[in-house]
Amino acid sequence: MPRTTQLRTYTVKEGLLDEWVARWRDEIVPLRLELGFEIGGAWVDRERNRFVWLIAYEGPELFAERNALYWASAQRKAMDLDPDDYLVSTDDRTVEPQQF
């Protein structure tokens, strides 16, 4: 299967950016890595209350199939983490690397 990379931009509710980042780092990232995803980096834009990160997957399934497995997993459900509690909006874009 081809490698798929997504650039994800989240607008976080006022006052919750640091809490969101901590939960993402401590809970979401380990499970994503366990399921074969790669994290290409993460950035905070405090001025706009945004969190931006790169996630990639290259494996036997399509990205969407592996992502569905992540959301359906017992580990994800055990997090008791509803993105709607933290995020105002999300923008997920599939991107391709370019030579420069």
N, C-alpha and C. Protein backbone atom coordinates (compact mmCIF):
# COMPACT_ATOMS: atom_id res chain seq x y z
N MET A 1 0.83 -1.18 0.00
CA MET A 1 0.00 0.00 0.00
C MET A 1 0.88 1.26 0.00
N PRO A 2 0.37 2.31 -0.59
CA PRO A 2 1.16 3.56 -0.60
C PRO A 2 1.17 4.22 0.78
N ARG A 3 2.18 5.03 0.98
CA ARG A 3 2.29 5.80 2.22
C ARG A 3 1.31 6.98 2.14
N THR A 4 0.57 7.19 3.21
CA THR A 4 -0.35 8.32 3.30
C THR A 4 0.07 9.18 4.47
N THR A 5 0.16 10.48 4.22
CA THR A 5 0.50 11.44 5.27
C THR A 5 -0.60 12.48 5.35
N GLN A 6 -1.01 12.77 6.57
CA GLN A 6 -2.01 13.81 6.78
C GLN A 6 -1.42 14.93 7.63
N LEU A 7 -1.74 16.15 7.23
CA LEU A 7 -1.44 17.34 8.01
C LEU A 7 -2.74 17.69 8.73
N ARG A 8 -2.70 17.67 10.04
CA ARG A 8 -3.90 17.90 10.84
C ARG A 8 -3.75 19.20 11.62
N THR A 9 -4.72 20.06 11.48
CA THR A 9 -4.74 21.34 12.18
C THR A 9 -6.00 21.38 13.03
N TYR A 10 -5.80 21.54 14.33
CA TYR A 10 -6.92 21.58 15.27
C TYR A 10 -6.97 22.96 15.93
N THR A 11 -8.14 23.55 15.95
CA THR A 11 -8.36 24.74 16.75
C THR A 11 -8.90 24.26 18.09
N VAL A 12 -8.20 24.62 19.15
CA VAL A 12 -8.49 24.13 20.49
C VAL A 12 -9.28 25.19 21.27
N LYS A 13 -10.19 24.73 22.10
CA LYS A 13 -10.98 25.63 22.92
C LYS A 13 -10.07 26.47 23.82
N GLU A 14 -10.47 27.71 24.01
CA GLU A 14 -9.71 28.65 24.82
C GLU A 14 -9.39 28.05 26.19
N GLY A 15 -8.12 28.12 26.58
CA GLY A 15 -7.68 27.67 27.89
C GLY A 15 -7.36 26.18 27.99
N LEU A 16 -7.56 25.44 26.91
CA LEU A 16 -7.36 23.98 26.97
C LEU A 16 -6.19 23.49 26.12
N LEU A 17 -5.43 24.39 25.52
CA LEU A 17 -4.37 23.98 24.61
C LEU A 17 -3.32 23.10 25.30
N ASP A 18 -2.82 23.52 26.44
CA ASP A 18 -1.79 22.74 27.11
C ASP A 18 -2.32 21.39 27.58
N GLU A 19 -3.55 21.35 28.07
CA GLU A 19 -4.14 20.08 28.49
C GLU A 19 -4.32 19.16 27.29
N TRP A 20 -4.78 19.71 26.15
CA TRP A 20 -4.93 18.91 24.94
C TRP A 20 -3.58 18.32 24.52
N VAL A 21 -2.55 19.15 24.48
CA VAL A 21 -1.22 18.69 24.05
C VAL A 21 -0.72 17.58 24.96
N ALA A 22 -0.91 17.73 26.25
CA ALA A 22 -0.45 16.70 27.19
C ALA A 22 -1.19 15.38 26.97
N ARG A 23 -2.49 15.44 26.76
CA ARG A 23 -3.25 14.20 26.54
C ARG A 23 -2.90 13.59 25.19
N TRP A 24 -2.69 14.42 24.18
CA TRP A 24 -2.28 13.93 22.87
C TRP A 24 -0.95 13.19 22.99
N ARG A 25 0.02 13.84 23.64
CA ARG A 25 1.37 13.27 23.79
C ARG A 25 1.35 11.99 24.62
N ASP A 26 0.63 12.00 25.73
CA ASP A 26 0.68 10.90 26.69
C ASP A 26 -0.25 9.74 26.36
N GLU A 27 -1.34 10.00 25.65
CA GLU A 27 -2.34 8.97 25.41
C GLU A 27 -2.50 8.60 23.92
N ILE A 28 -2.64 9.61 23.09
CA ILE A 28 -2.90 9.36 21.67
C ILE A 28 -1.66 8.85 20.95
N VAL A 29 -0.55 9.55 21.13
CA VAL A 29 0.68 9.17 20.40
C VAL A 29 1.10 7.72 20.66
N PRO A 30 1.18 7.26 21.91
CA PRO A 30 1.61 5.87 22.11
C PRO A 30 0.72 4.84 21.39
N LEU A 31 -0.58 5.05 21.40
CA LEU A 31 -1.47 4.11 20.71
C LEU A 31 -1.30 4.21 19.20
N ARG A 32 -1.19 5.43 18.69
CA ARG A 32 -0.96 5.57 17.24
C ARG A 32 0.31 4.83 16.83
N LEU A 33 1.38 5.00 17.58
CA LEU A 33 2.64 4.32 17.26
C LEU A 33 2.49 2.81 17.36
N GLU A 34 1.81 2.35 18.38
CA GLU A 34 1.57 0.91 18.55
C GLU A 34 0.84 0.32 17.36
N LEU A 35 -0.05 1.10 16.75
CA LEU A 35 -0.84 0.62 15.61
C LEU A 35 -0.16 0.87 14.27
N GLY A 36 1.10 1.30 14.29
CA GLY A 36 1.87 1.41 13.05
C GLY A 36 1.88 2.77 12.39
N PHE A 37 1.29 3.76 13.03
CA PHE A 37 1.35 5.12 12.50
C PHE A 37 2.70 5.74 12.84
N GLU A 38 3.07 6.75 12.09
CA GLU A 38 4.26 7.54 12.37
C GLU A 38 3.83 8.97 12.63
N ILE A 39 4.46 9.60 13.59
CA ILE A 39 4.19 11.01 13.87
C ILE A 39 5.38 11.80 13.34
N GLY A 40 5.11 12.68 12.38
CA GLY A 40 6.18 13.43 11.73
C GLY A 40 6.55 14.72 12.42
N GLY A 41 5.79 15.10 13.42
CA GLY A 41 6.07 16.32 14.16
C GLY A 41 4.78 16.92 14.67
N ALA A 42 4.91 17.84 15.61
CA ALA A 42 3.75 18.54 16.17
C ALA A 42 4.18 19.94 16.56
N TRP A 43 3.26 20.89 16.39
CA TRP A 43 3.54 22.29 16.66
C TRP A 43 2.34 22.94 17.32
N VAL A 44 2.61 23.92 18.16
CA VAL A 44 1.56 24.71 18.81
C VAL A 44 1.64 26.13 18.28
N ASP A 45 0.50 26.67 17.88
CA ASP A 45 0.36 28.07 17.48
C ASP A 45 -0.50 28.73 18.55
N ARG A 46 0.15 29.24 19.58
CA ARG A 46 -0.57 29.80 20.73
C ARG A 46 -1.41 31.02 20.35
N GLU A 47 -0.91 31.81 19.43
CA GLU A 47 -1.63 33.02 19.02
C GLU A 47 -3.02 32.69 18.47
N ARG A 48 -3.13 31.58 17.77
CA ARG A 48 -4.41 31.18 17.17
C ARG A 48 -5.07 30.01 17.89
N ASN A 49 -4.47 29.59 19.00
CA ASN A 49 -4.98 28.45 19.78
C ASN A 49 -5.09 27.20 18.90
N ARG A 50 -4.04 26.95 18.14
CA ARG A 50 -4.05 25.81 17.22
C ARG A 50 -2.95 24.80 17.55
N PHE A 51 -3.27 23.57 17.22
CA PHE A 51 -2.33 22.46 17.36
C PHE A 51 -2.24 21.81 15.97
N VAL A 52 -1.01 21.67 15.48
CA VAL A 52 -0.78 21.15 14.13
C VAL A 52 0.15 19.95 14.24
N TRP A 53 -0.19 18.86 13.52
CA TRP A 53 0.68 17.70 13.55
C TRP A 53 0.62 16.93 12.25
N LEU A 54 1.66 16.12 12.02
CA LEU A 54 1.73 15.24 10.86
C LEU A 54 1.62 13.79 11.32
N ILE A 55 0.77 13.04 10.65
CA ILE A 55 0.62 11.62 10.94
C ILE A 55 0.69 10.88 9.61
N ALA A 56 1.39 9.74 9.60
CA ALA A 56 1.55 8.96 8.38
C ALA A 56 1.32 7.48 8.67
N TYR A 57 0.92 6.77 7.62
CA TYR A 57 0.77 5.32 7.72
C TYR A 57 1.13 4.71 6.38
N GLU A 58 1.92 3.64 6.46
CA GLU A 58 2.26 2.84 5.29
C GLU A 58 2.24 1.39 5.74
N GLY A 59 1.30 0.64 5.27
CA GLY A 59 1.17 -0.73 5.72
C GLY A 59 0.20 -1.51 4.85
N PRO A 60 -0.24 -2.65 5.35
CA PRO A 60 -1.09 -3.52 4.54
C PRO A 60 -2.49 -2.97 4.29
N GLU A 61 -2.94 -2.02 5.10
CA GLU A 61 -4.27 -1.45 4.92
C GLU A 61 -4.17 -0.02 4.41
N LEU A 62 -5.28 0.50 3.98
CA LEU A 62 -5.34 1.92 3.64
C LEU A 62 -5.31 2.73 4.94
N PHE A 63 -4.92 3.98 4.84
CA PHE A 63 -4.89 4.86 6.00
C PHE A 63 -6.26 4.88 6.68
N ALA A 64 -7.32 5.03 5.91
CA ALA A 64 -8.67 5.11 6.48
C ALA A 64 -9.03 3.84 7.23
N GLU A 65 -8.62 2.70 6.73
CA GLU A 65 -8.92 1.43 7.41
C GLU A 65 -8.16 1.34 8.74
N ARG A 66 -6.90 1.73 8.72
CA ARG A 66 -6.09 1.69 9.94
C ARG A 66 -6.59 2.72 10.95
N ASN A 67 -7.02 3.87 10.45
CA ASN A 67 -7.58 4.89 11.31
C ASN A 67 -8.86 4.40 11.99
N ALA A 68 -9.69 3.69 11.24
CA ALA A 68 -10.91 3.12 11.81
C ALA A 68 -10.57 2.11 12.90
N LEU A 69 -9.51 1.34 12.69
CA LEU A 69 -9.06 0.38 13.70
C LEU A 69 -8.64 1.11 14.98
N TYR A 70 -7.94 2.22 14.82
CA TYR A 70 -7.55 3.04 15.98
C TYR A 70 -8.78 3.48 16.77
N TRP A 71 -9.77 4.04 16.08
CA TRP A 71 -10.96 4.55 16.77
C TRP A 71 -11.78 3.44 17.41
N ALA A 72 -11.77 2.25 16.83
CA ALA A 72 -12.56 1.13 17.35
C ALA A 72 -11.85 0.35 18.45
N SER A 73 -10.57 0.63 18.66
CA SER A 73 -9.78 -0.17 19.61
C SER A 73 -10.24 0.05 21.05
N ALA A 74 -10.08 -0.98 21.85
CA ALA A 74 -10.42 -0.91 23.27
C ALA A 74 -9.55 0.13 23.97
N GLN A 75 -8.28 0.25 23.54
CA GLN A 75 -7.37 1.20 24.15
C GLN A 75 -7.86 2.64 23.93
N ARG A 76 -8.35 2.92 22.73
CA ARG A 76 -8.85 4.27 22.43
C ARG A 76 -10.10 4.57 23.26
N LYS A 77 -10.98 3.60 23.34
CA LYS A 77 -12.20 3.80 24.13
C LYS A 77 -11.89 3.98 25.60
N ALA A 78 -10.86 3.30 26.10
CA ALA A 78 -10.49 3.39 27.51
C ALA A 78 -9.90 4.76 27.88
N MET A 79 -9.46 5.54 26.88
CA MET A 79 -8.91 6.86 27.15
C MET A 79 -9.94 7.81 27.75
N ASP A 80 -11.21 7.57 27.47
CA ASP A 80 -12.26 8.48 27.90
C ASP A 80 -11.90 9.91 27.48
N LEU A 81 -11.56 10.03 26.21
CA LEU A 81 -11.12 11.30 25.63
C LEU A 81 -11.99 11.61 24.42
N ASP A 82 -12.90 12.55 24.58
CA ASP A 82 -13.76 12.99 23.49
C ASP A 82 -13.17 14.25 22.90
N PRO A 83 -12.72 14.20 21.64
CA PRO A 83 -12.13 15.39 21.03
C PRO A 83 -13.04 16.62 21.10
N ASP A 84 -14.35 16.42 21.08
CA ASP A 84 -15.27 17.55 21.15
C ASP A 84 -15.16 18.32 22.46
N ASP A 85 -14.61 17.70 23.49
CA ASP A 85 -14.40 18.40 24.76
C ASP A 85 -13.27 19.42 24.66
N TYR A 86 -12.40 19.26 23.66
CA TYR A 86 -11.21 20.09 23.52
C TYR A 86 -11.18 20.92 22.23
N LEU A 87 -11.72 20.37 21.16
CA LEU A 87 -11.50 20.96 19.85
C LEU A 87 -12.72 21.72 19.32
N VAL A 88 -12.45 22.91 18.80
CA VAL A 88 -13.48 23.72 18.16
C VAL A 88 -13.68 23.24 16.73
N SER A 89 -12.57 22.94 16.06
CA SER A 89 -12.63 22.48 14.67
C SER A 89 -11.37 21.70 14.33
N THR A 90 -11.49 20.88 13.29
CA THR A 90 -10.35 20.13 12.78
C THR A 90 -10.28 20.28 11.28
N ASP A 91 -9.07 20.25 10.76
CA ASP A 91 -8.84 20.29 9.32
C ASP A 91 -7.77 19.25 9.01
N ASP A 92 -8.17 18.14 8.40
CA ASP A 92 -7.26 17.05 8.05
C ASP A 92 -7.05 17.05 6.54
N ARG A 93 -5.80 17.16 6.13
CA ARG A 93 -5.48 17.20 4.70
C ARG A 93 -4.43 16.15 4.38
N THR A 94 -4.69 15.38 3.34
CA THR A 94 -3.69 14.44 2.86
C THR A 94 -2.68 15.22 2.04
N VAL A 95 -1.40 15.05 2.37
CA VAL A 95 -0.34 15.80 1.71
C VAL A 95 0.71 14.85 1.14
N GLU A 96 1.47 15.34 0.17
CA GLU A 96 2.54 14.55 -0.45
C GLU A 96 3.86 15.32 -0.34
N PRO A 97 4.96 14.61 -0.05
CA PRO A 97 6.25 15.30 0.01
C PRO A 97 6.69 15.75 -1.38
N GLN A 98 7.43 16.82 -1.41
CA GLN A 98 7.96 17.36 -2.65
C GLN A 98 9.47 17.56 -2.50
N GLN A 99 10.18 17.36 -3.57
CA GLN A 99 11.63 17.60 -3.58
C GLN A 99 11.89 19.10 -3.71
N PHE A 100 12.93 19.56 -3.07
CA PHE A 100 13.31 20.97 -3.23
C PHE A 100 14.80 21.11 -3.27
